[in-house]
Amino acid sequence: MSHFEKVSFEQWKADCGVKGLSEKGLREWYDAIKLPRQATAASAGCDFYMPFSLNFEGGSSFRIATGVRWVCDEEEGRDRVLLVMPRSGLGFRYGIRLSNTVGVIDADYCDSDNEGHIIVSLVNPSDQTVLLGEGKPFAQGIVVRYEVPEGAESGDSRNGGFGSTDR
């Protein structure tokens, strides 16, 4: 079965983009990272949580290093994908969306040099600042099975992060 786990502290620290915070402060944020989980028993998605508070200014974008990776075990087959989307409340209230509309996390992304670190880029097209509080859900991920059409299969392997499959 697939599962979520944290990336290493070193990977999160390299990706988080936070400047001027002490190693101790970064470690405290990292230690508080919550793994994605369902909000209710019937929720299709698992909520991703903010690793720190952010006053998300209107008209801006921001990359959030979640500190999380999704592991899809090879033994069970890698015929699944994790789709990452904004939580509907943020979209309806403020128009907040992912920069790439829907994040597609391939099953082999966890094998990448960046440990499969899921980084979510959000856009706030509104004219208001929105508080995304530490520990609050801001995105959701849904695991979906898929099928590759006959003749479209690839035997190539991945080693890289965003946009690496066409390099």
N, C-alpha and C. Protein backbone atom coordinates (compact mmCIF):
# COMPACT_ATOMS: atom_id res chain seq x y z
N MET A 1 0.85 -1.19 0.00
CA MET A 1 0.00 0.00 0.00
C MET A 1 0.89 1.25 0.00
N SER A 2 0.45 2.26 -0.68
CA SER A 2 1.21 3.50 -0.69
C SER A 2 1.04 4.22 0.64
N HIS A 3 1.99 5.12 0.93
CA HIS A 3 1.93 5.85 2.20
C HIS A 3 2.70 7.16 2.09
N PHE A 4 2.45 8.04 3.06
CA PHE A 4 3.18 9.30 3.16
C PHE A 4 4.24 9.18 4.25
N GLU A 5 5.36 9.87 4.04
CA GLU A 5 6.39 9.96 5.06
C GLU A 5 7.13 11.28 4.87
N LYS A 6 7.87 11.69 5.89
CA LYS A 6 8.63 12.93 5.79
C LYS A 6 9.89 12.71 4.95
N VAL A 7 10.32 13.77 4.28
CA VAL A 7 11.65 13.78 3.68
C VAL A 7 12.62 14.08 4.82
N SER A 8 13.90 13.93 4.57
CA SER A 8 14.88 14.23 5.61
C SER A 8 14.87 15.72 5.94
N PHE A 9 15.34 16.04 7.13
CA PHE A 9 15.44 17.45 7.54
C PHE A 9 16.33 18.20 6.56
N GLU A 10 17.43 17.59 6.12
CA GLU A 10 18.36 18.26 5.21
C GLU A 10 17.68 18.63 3.90
N GLN A 11 16.84 17.71 3.37
CA GLN A 11 16.14 17.98 2.11
C GLN A 11 15.12 19.09 2.30
N TRP A 12 14.35 19.02 3.38
CA TRP A 12 13.34 20.05 3.62
C TRP A 12 14.00 21.42 3.80
N LYS A 13 15.08 21.45 4.56
CA LYS A 13 15.79 22.70 4.80
C LYS A 13 16.30 23.30 3.48
N ALA A 14 16.82 22.45 2.60
CA ALA A 14 17.32 22.92 1.31
C ALA A 14 16.20 23.46 0.42
N ASP A 15 15.01 22.90 0.55
CA ASP A 15 13.90 23.26 -0.33
C ASP A 15 12.96 24.32 0.23
N CYS A 16 12.98 24.55 1.54
CA CYS A 16 11.92 25.38 2.15
C CYS A 16 12.01 26.84 1.78
N GLY A 17 13.19 27.36 1.46
CA GLY A 17 13.32 28.73 1.02
C GLY A 17 13.20 29.77 2.12
N VAL A 18 13.15 29.35 3.37
CA VAL A 18 13.04 30.29 4.49
C VAL A 18 14.44 30.81 4.83
N LYS A 19 14.58 32.11 4.82
CA LYS A 19 15.88 32.74 5.10
C LYS A 19 15.84 33.41 6.47
N GLY A 20 16.97 33.42 7.15
CA GLY A 20 17.11 34.17 8.38
C GLY A 20 16.58 33.49 9.63
N LEU A 21 16.14 32.25 9.52
CA LEU A 21 15.66 31.52 10.70
C LEU A 21 16.77 30.60 11.17
N SER A 22 16.93 30.49 12.46
CA SER A 22 17.99 29.65 13.02
C SER A 22 17.76 28.18 12.69
N GLU A 23 18.82 27.41 12.80
CA GLU A 23 18.73 25.96 12.61
C GLU A 23 17.72 25.37 13.58
N LYS A 24 17.72 25.87 14.81
CA LYS A 24 16.78 25.39 15.82
C LYS A 24 15.34 25.69 15.42
N GLY A 25 15.10 26.89 14.91
CA GLY A 25 13.76 27.27 14.45
C GLY A 25 13.29 26.42 13.29
N LEU A 26 14.19 26.19 12.34
CA LEU A 26 13.84 25.33 11.21
C LEU A 26 13.54 23.91 11.68
N ARG A 27 14.33 23.42 12.62
CA ARG A 27 14.13 22.07 13.15
C ARG A 27 12.76 21.96 13.85
N GLU A 28 12.37 23.00 14.57
CA GLU A 28 11.07 22.99 15.24
C GLU A 28 9.94 22.92 14.23
N TRP A 29 10.05 23.70 13.14
CA TRP A 29 9.03 23.64 12.09
C TRP A 29 9.01 22.25 11.46
N TYR A 30 10.18 21.72 11.16
CA TYR A 30 10.26 20.39 10.55
C TYR A 30 9.64 19.33 11.46
N ASP A 31 9.98 19.38 12.73
CA ASP A 31 9.45 18.38 13.67
C ASP A 31 7.94 18.45 13.78
N ALA A 32 7.35 19.62 13.54
CA ALA A 32 5.90 19.80 13.65
C ALA A 32 5.15 19.44 12.36
N ILE A 33 5.87 19.11 11.29
CA ILE A 33 5.20 18.77 10.03
C ILE A 33 4.28 17.58 10.25
N LYS A 34 3.04 17.73 9.78
CA LYS A 34 2.04 16.67 9.89
C LYS A 34 1.92 15.97 8.54
N LEU A 35 1.85 14.66 8.57
CA LEU A 35 1.65 13.91 7.34
C LEU A 35 0.20 14.07 6.86
N PRO A 36 -0.01 14.05 5.54
CA PRO A 36 -1.37 14.18 5.01
C PRO A 36 -2.28 13.07 5.53
N ARG A 37 -3.55 13.46 5.72
CA ARG A 37 -4.55 12.48 6.15
C ARG A 37 -5.95 12.98 5.78
N GLN A 38 -6.88 12.04 5.76
CA GLN A 38 -8.27 12.37 5.47
C GLN A 38 -8.84 13.24 6.59
N ALA A 39 -9.75 14.14 6.22
CA ALA A 39 -10.45 14.94 7.22
C ALA A 39 -11.62 14.15 7.79
N THR A 40 -12.27 13.35 6.95
CA THR A 40 -13.38 12.49 7.39
C THR A 40 -13.22 11.12 6.73
N ALA A 41 -13.94 10.15 7.23
CA ALA A 41 -13.84 8.78 6.71
C ALA A 41 -14.23 8.68 5.24
N ALA A 42 -15.04 9.60 4.74
CA ALA A 42 -15.48 9.54 3.35
C ALA A 42 -14.76 10.55 2.46
N SER A 43 -13.74 11.24 2.97
CA SER A 43 -12.99 12.20 2.16
C SER A 43 -12.16 11.46 1.13
N ALA A 44 -12.26 11.89 -0.12
CA ALA A 44 -11.45 11.29 -1.18
C ALA A 44 -9.99 11.71 -1.05
N GLY A 45 -9.77 12.94 -0.62
CA GLY A 45 -8.42 13.46 -0.53
C GLY A 45 -7.85 13.42 0.86
N CYS A 46 -6.53 13.48 0.91
CA CYS A 46 -5.79 13.59 2.17
C CYS A 46 -5.25 15.02 2.22
N ASP A 47 -5.53 15.71 3.31
CA ASP A 47 -5.12 17.10 3.44
C ASP A 47 -3.62 17.23 3.69
N PHE A 48 -3.00 18.19 2.99
CA PHE A 48 -1.62 18.60 3.25
C PHE A 48 -1.69 19.82 4.16
N TYR A 49 -0.78 19.91 5.12
CA TYR A 49 -0.82 20.95 6.13
C TYR A 49 0.36 21.91 5.99
N MET A 50 0.11 23.17 6.32
CA MET A 50 1.15 24.19 6.27
C MET A 50 2.24 23.88 7.29
N PRO A 51 3.51 23.88 6.88
CA PRO A 51 4.60 23.64 7.83
C PRO A 51 4.93 24.90 8.65
N PHE A 52 4.44 26.05 8.24
CA PHE A 52 4.66 27.32 8.92
C PHE A 52 3.53 28.26 8.53
N SER A 53 3.39 29.37 9.25
CA SER A 53 2.36 30.36 8.91
C SER A 53 2.85 31.25 7.78
N LEU A 54 1.90 31.66 6.95
CA LEU A 54 2.23 32.51 5.80
C LEU A 54 1.12 33.53 5.60
N ASN A 55 1.48 34.81 5.58
CA ASN A 55 0.55 35.84 5.14
C ASN A 55 0.69 35.90 3.62
N PHE A 56 -0.24 35.25 2.95
CA PHE A 56 -0.18 35.06 1.50
C PHE A 56 -0.81 36.27 0.82
N GLU A 57 0.05 37.16 0.35
CA GLU A 57 -0.40 38.43 -0.22
C GLU A 57 -1.13 38.23 -1.53
N GLY A 58 -2.17 39.06 -1.74
CA GLY A 58 -2.91 39.04 -2.99
C GLY A 58 -1.99 39.37 -4.16
N GLY A 59 -2.25 38.72 -5.28
CA GLY A 59 -1.45 38.96 -6.48
C GLY A 59 -0.08 38.30 -6.45
N SER A 60 0.14 37.38 -5.54
CA SER A 60 1.47 36.75 -5.46
C SER A 60 1.36 35.23 -5.58
N SER A 61 2.52 34.62 -5.67
CA SER A 61 2.60 33.16 -5.66
C SER A 61 3.65 32.75 -4.63
N PHE A 62 3.56 31.50 -4.17
CA PHE A 62 4.48 31.03 -3.15
C PHE A 62 4.64 29.52 -3.26
N ARG A 63 5.88 29.05 -3.15
CA ARG A 63 6.16 27.61 -3.17
C ARG A 63 6.26 27.09 -1.74
N ILE A 64 5.46 26.10 -1.42
CA ILE A 64 5.43 25.53 -0.07
C ILE A 64 6.08 24.16 -0.09
N ALA A 65 7.22 24.07 0.58
CA ALA A 65 7.92 22.78 0.73
C ALA A 65 7.19 22.03 1.86
N THR A 66 6.43 21.01 1.50
CA THR A 66 5.56 20.34 2.47
C THR A 66 6.33 19.49 3.47
N GLY A 67 7.55 19.06 3.12
CA GLY A 67 8.30 18.15 3.98
C GLY A 67 7.83 16.71 3.84
N VAL A 68 6.97 16.46 2.86
CA VAL A 68 6.31 15.16 2.69
C VAL A 68 6.67 14.54 1.34
N ARG A 69 6.75 13.23 1.35
CA ARG A 69 6.88 12.46 0.10
C ARG A 69 5.81 11.37 0.11
N TRP A 70 5.42 10.95 -1.08
CA TRP A 70 4.46 9.87 -1.25
C TRP A 70 5.21 8.66 -1.79
N VAL A 71 5.09 7.55 -1.11
CA VAL A 71 5.80 6.33 -1.52
C VAL A 71 4.79 5.32 -2.03
N CYS A 72 4.97 4.94 -3.27
CA CYS A 72 4.13 3.93 -3.91
C CYS A 72 5.02 2.72 -4.14
N ASP A 73 4.83 1.68 -3.32
CA ASP A 73 5.71 0.52 -3.34
C ASP A 73 5.69 -0.21 -4.68
N GLU A 74 6.88 -0.53 -5.18
CA GLU A 74 7.01 -1.23 -6.45
C GLU A 74 6.37 -2.61 -6.43
N GLU A 75 6.45 -3.29 -5.29
CA GLU A 75 5.93 -4.65 -5.19
C GLU A 75 4.43 -4.71 -5.50
N GLU A 76 3.72 -3.65 -5.19
CA GLU A 76 2.27 -3.63 -5.42
C GLU A 76 1.93 -3.10 -6.80
N GLY A 77 2.91 -2.72 -7.57
CA GLY A 77 2.66 -2.13 -8.88
C GLY A 77 2.57 -0.63 -8.77
N ARG A 78 3.08 0.01 -9.75
CA ARG A 78 3.08 1.47 -9.72
C ARG A 78 2.07 2.01 -10.74
N ASP A 79 0.85 1.53 -10.62
CA ASP A 79 -0.22 1.97 -11.50
C ASP A 79 -1.10 3.01 -10.82
N ARG A 80 -0.48 3.86 -10.00
CA ARG A 80 -1.20 4.90 -9.27
C ARG A 80 -0.48 6.23 -9.42
N VAL A 81 -1.22 7.29 -9.23
CA VAL A 81 -0.70 8.64 -9.27
C VAL A 81 -1.34 9.43 -8.14
N LEU A 82 -0.59 10.35 -7.56
CA LEU A 82 -1.13 11.24 -6.55
C LEU A 82 -1.45 12.57 -7.24
N LEU A 83 -2.70 12.98 -7.20
CA LEU A 83 -3.11 14.26 -7.77
C LEU A 83 -3.26 15.25 -6.62
N VAL A 84 -2.57 16.39 -6.72
CA VAL A 84 -2.60 17.40 -5.66
C VAL A 84 -3.38 18.61 -6.16
N MET A 85 -4.35 19.05 -5.33
CA MET A 85 -5.22 20.17 -5.67
C MET A 85 -5.38 21.07 -4.45
N PRO A 86 -5.77 22.33 -4.67
CA PRO A 86 -6.04 23.18 -3.51
C PRO A 86 -7.30 22.69 -2.80
N ARG A 87 -7.42 22.99 -1.54
CA ARG A 87 -8.66 22.70 -0.83
C ARG A 87 -9.73 23.63 -1.38
N SER A 88 -10.92 23.11 -1.53
CA SER A 88 -11.98 23.87 -2.19
C SER A 88 -12.32 25.18 -1.48
N GLY A 89 -12.23 25.22 -0.16
CA GLY A 89 -12.55 26.46 0.56
C GLY A 89 -11.65 27.61 0.15
N LEU A 90 -10.36 27.35 -0.02
CA LEU A 90 -9.43 28.40 -0.44
C LEU A 90 -9.73 28.85 -1.86
N GLY A 91 -10.11 27.91 -2.71
CA GLY A 91 -10.46 28.24 -4.09
C GLY A 91 -11.74 29.06 -4.18
N PHE A 92 -12.78 28.61 -3.48
CA PHE A 92 -14.06 29.32 -3.53
C PHE A 92 -13.98 30.70 -2.90
N ARG A 93 -13.35 30.81 -1.75
CA ARG A 93 -13.31 32.09 -1.03
C ARG A 93 -12.37 33.11 -1.68
N TYR A 94 -11.19 32.63 -2.10
CA TYR A 94 -10.15 33.58 -2.53
C TYR A 94 -9.62 33.34 -3.94
N GLY A 95 -10.02 32.25 -4.57
CA GLY A 95 -9.51 31.93 -5.90
C GLY A 95 -8.12 31.32 -5.86
N ILE A 96 -7.63 30.96 -4.68
CA ILE A 96 -6.29 30.38 -4.56
C ILE A 96 -6.26 29.05 -5.30
N ARG A 97 -5.22 28.87 -6.09
CA ARG A 97 -5.09 27.65 -6.90
C ARG A 97 -3.62 27.26 -7.01
N LEU A 98 -3.37 26.07 -7.51
CA LEU A 98 -2.01 25.65 -7.77
C LEU A 98 -1.51 26.33 -9.04
N SER A 99 -0.24 26.68 -9.06
CA SER A 99 0.35 27.33 -10.24
C SER A 99 0.20 26.46 -11.48
N ASN A 100 0.30 25.14 -11.30
CA ASN A 100 0.18 24.23 -12.45
C ASN A 100 -1.19 23.55 -12.51
N THR A 101 -2.20 24.13 -11.87
CA THR A 101 -3.59 23.69 -11.83
C THR A 101 -3.78 22.42 -11.01
N VAL A 102 -3.17 21.31 -11.42
CA VAL A 102 -3.21 20.05 -10.66
C VAL A 102 -1.79 19.50 -10.63
N GLY A 103 -1.32 19.18 -9.45
CA GLY A 103 0.00 18.56 -9.33
C GLY A 103 -0.11 17.07 -9.59
N VAL A 104 0.73 16.56 -10.46
CA VAL A 104 0.75 15.13 -10.78
C VAL A 104 2.03 14.55 -10.19
N ILE A 105 1.87 13.72 -9.16
CA ILE A 105 3.01 13.09 -8.50
C ILE A 105 3.04 11.64 -8.97
N ASP A 106 3.98 11.35 -9.87
CA ASP A 106 4.11 10.00 -10.41
C ASP A 106 4.63 9.03 -9.34
N ALA A 107 4.31 7.76 -9.51
CA ALA A 107 4.68 6.74 -8.53
C ALA A 107 6.19 6.63 -8.34
N ASP A 108 6.97 6.95 -9.37
CA ASP A 108 8.43 6.84 -9.24
C ASP A 108 9.09 8.13 -8.77
N TYR A 109 8.31 9.16 -8.51
CA TYR A 109 8.89 10.43 -8.03
C TYR A 109 9.60 10.24 -6.70
N CYS A 110 9.14 9.28 -5.89
CA CYS A 110 9.77 9.05 -4.58
C CYS A 110 11.21 8.55 -4.73
N ASP A 111 11.59 8.09 -5.92
CA ASP A 111 12.94 7.59 -6.17
C ASP A 111 13.92 8.70 -6.58
N SER A 112 13.45 9.92 -6.72
CA SER A 112 14.27 11.03 -7.21
C SER A 112 15.33 11.46 -6.21
N ASP A 113 16.34 12.15 -6.72
CA ASP A 113 17.42 12.66 -5.87
C ASP A 113 16.90 13.59 -4.78
N ASN A 114 15.76 14.25 -4.99
CA ASN A 114 15.22 15.16 -3.98
C ASN A 114 14.30 14.42 -3.00
N GLU A 115 14.42 13.11 -2.94
CA GLU A 115 13.65 12.24 -2.04
C GLU A 115 12.16 12.24 -2.35
N GLY A 116 11.77 12.77 -3.50
CA GLY A 116 10.35 12.83 -3.83
C GLY A 116 9.60 13.91 -3.07
N HIS A 117 10.33 14.94 -2.65
CA HIS A 117 9.75 16.02 -1.85
C HIS A 117 8.64 16.72 -2.63
N ILE A 118 7.44 16.74 -2.05
CA ILE A 118 6.30 17.38 -2.69
C ILE A 118 6.31 18.86 -2.33
N ILE A 119 6.47 19.68 -3.35
CA ILE A 119 6.48 21.13 -3.19
C ILE A 119 5.27 21.65 -3.96
N VAL A 120 4.45 22.42 -3.28
CA VAL A 120 3.20 22.91 -3.86
C VAL A 120 3.34 24.41 -4.10
N SER A 121 3.13 24.82 -5.34
CA SER A 121 3.20 26.24 -5.68
C SER A 121 1.77 26.78 -5.80
N LEU A 122 1.45 27.74 -4.95
CA LEU A 122 0.12 28.34 -4.93
C LEU A 122 0.14 29.75 -5.52
N VAL A 123 -0.98 30.15 -6.09
CA VAL A 123 -1.19 31.50 -6.61
C VAL A 123 -2.39 32.10 -5.89
N ASN A 124 -2.25 33.34 -5.43
CA ASN A 124 -3.37 34.07 -4.83
C ASN A 124 -3.72 35.21 -5.77
N PRO A 125 -4.72 35.01 -6.65
CA PRO A 125 -5.06 36.06 -7.61
C PRO A 125 -5.95 37.16 -7.02
N SER A 126 -6.38 37.01 -5.79
CA SER A 126 -7.27 38.00 -5.18
C SER A 126 -6.47 39.26 -4.81
N ASP A 127 -7.17 40.25 -4.32
CA ASP A 127 -6.50 41.47 -3.88
C ASP A 127 -6.36 41.51 -2.37
N GLN A 128 -6.62 40.38 -1.71
CA GLN A 128 -6.51 40.36 -0.25
C GLN A 128 -5.45 39.38 0.23
N THR A 129 -4.87 39.72 1.37
CA THR A 129 -3.90 38.84 2.01
C THR A 129 -4.67 37.77 2.76
N VAL A 130 -4.25 36.52 2.59
CA VAL A 130 -4.91 35.38 3.22
C VAL A 130 -3.90 34.73 4.17
N LEU A 131 -4.31 34.53 5.42
CA LEU A 131 -3.45 33.85 6.38
C LEU A 131 -3.58 32.35 6.18
N LEU A 132 -2.46 31.72 5.87
CA LEU A 132 -2.39 30.26 5.84
C LEU A 132 -1.63 29.88 7.10
N GLY A 133 -2.35 29.45 8.13
CA GLY A 133 -1.76 29.21 9.43
C GLY A 133 -0.99 27.90 9.53
N GLU A 134 0.05 27.91 10.33
CA GLU A 134 0.85 26.71 10.57
C GLU A 134 -0.06 25.57 11.04
N GLY A 135 0.11 24.40 10.42
CA GLY A 135 -0.67 23.23 10.79
C GLY A 135 -2.05 23.17 10.18
N LYS A 136 -2.43 24.20 9.41
CA LYS A 136 -3.75 24.22 8.78
C LYS A 136 -3.69 23.60 7.39
N PRO A 137 -4.76 22.90 6.98
CA PRO A 137 -4.75 22.29 5.65
C PRO A 137 -4.83 23.35 4.55
N PHE A 138 -4.06 23.15 3.46
CA PHE A 138 -4.07 24.11 2.36
C PHE A 138 -4.20 23.44 1.00
N ALA A 139 -3.94 22.15 0.93
CA ALA A 139 -4.04 21.40 -0.33
C ALA A 139 -4.51 20.00 0.01
N GLN A 140 -4.90 19.25 -1.01
CA GLN A 140 -5.31 17.87 -0.80
C GLN A 140 -4.78 16.99 -1.91
N GLY A 141 -4.49 15.76 -1.56
CA GLY A 141 -3.98 14.80 -2.53
C GLY A 141 -4.91 13.60 -2.63
N ILE A 142 -5.15 13.17 -3.85
CA ILE A 142 -6.01 12.02 -4.11
C ILE A 142 -5.21 11.01 -4.92
N VAL A 143 -5.15 9.78 -4.42
CA VAL A 143 -4.46 8.70 -5.13
C VAL A 143 -5.45 8.04 -6.08
N VAL A 144 -5.04 7.93 -7.35
CA VAL A 144 -5.91 7.40 -8.40
C VAL A 144 -5.15 6.32 -9.17
N ARG A 145 -5.80 5.23 -9.46
CA ARG A 145 -5.23 4.21 -10.35
C ARG A 145 -5.39 4.67 -11.79
N TYR A 146 -4.45 4.29 -12.64
CA TYR A 146 -4.53 4.66 -14.05
C TYR A 146 -4.09 3.48 -14.92
N GLU A 147 -4.32 3.64 -16.18
CA GLU A 147 -3.94 2.62 -17.17
C GLU A 147 -3.17 3.31 -18.28
N VAL A 148 -2.09 2.69 -18.74
CA VAL A 148 -1.32 3.22 -19.87
C VAL A 148 -1.80 2.47 -21.12
N PRO A 149 -2.21 3.19 -22.16
CA PRO A 149 -2.68 2.54 -23.38
C PRO A 149 -1.59 1.65 -23.99
N GLU A 150 -2.01 0.57 -24.55
CA GLU A 150 -1.08 -0.36 -25.20
C GLU A 150 -0.28 0.38 -26.27
N GLY A 151 1.01 0.17 -26.30
CA GLY A 151 1.89 0.81 -27.26
C GLY A 151 2.44 2.16 -26.79
N ALA A 152 1.93 2.67 -25.67
CA ALA A 152 2.38 3.96 -25.15
C ALA A 152 3.31 3.80 -23.96
N GLU A 153 3.65 2.57 -23.59
CA GLU A 153 4.48 2.30 -22.43
C GLU A 153 5.90 2.83 -22.61
N SER A 154 6.57 3.08 -21.48
CA SER A 154 7.96 3.52 -21.47
C SER A 154 8.75 2.62 -20.53
N GLY A 155 9.98 2.35 -20.88
CA GLY A 155 10.87 1.60 -20.00
C GLY A 155 11.88 2.49 -19.31
N ASP A 156 11.79 3.81 -19.55
CA ASP A 156 12.73 4.76 -18.97
C ASP A 156 12.48 4.93 -17.48
N SER A 157 13.52 5.36 -16.77
CA SER A 157 13.37 5.65 -15.35
C SER A 157 13.65 7.13 -15.10
N ARG A 158 13.22 7.60 -13.95
CA ARG A 158 13.32 9.01 -13.59
C ARG A 158 14.49 9.23 -12.64
N ASN A 159 15.08 10.42 -12.73
CA ASN A 159 15.96 10.89 -11.69
C ASN A 159 15.95 12.40 -11.73
N GLY A 160 15.00 12.96 -11.08
CA GLY A 160 14.88 14.41 -11.02
C GLY A 160 13.55 14.82 -10.50
N GLY A 161 13.39 16.11 -10.32
CA GLY A 161 12.16 16.64 -9.76
C GLY A 161 11.23 17.18 -10.82
N PHE A 162 10.71 18.36 -10.59
CA PHE A 162 9.72 18.96 -11.47
C PHE A 162 10.21 19.06 -12.91
N GLY A 163 9.40 18.59 -13.84
CA GLY A 163 9.72 18.69 -15.25
C GLY A 163 10.85 17.79 -15.71
N SER A 164 11.21 16.80 -14.91
CA SER A 164 12.39 15.97 -15.24
C SER A 164 12.11 14.89 -16.28
N THR A 165 10.86 14.55 -16.53
CA THR A 165 10.60 13.44 -17.43
C THR A 165 10.81 13.80 -18.90
N ASP A 166 10.91 15.09 -19.22
CA ASP A 166 11.16 15.45 -20.63
C ASP A 166 12.58 15.93 -20.88
N ARG A 167 13.48 15.68 -19.90
CA ARG A 167 14.89 16.06 -20.08
C ARG A 167 15.68 14.87 -20.57
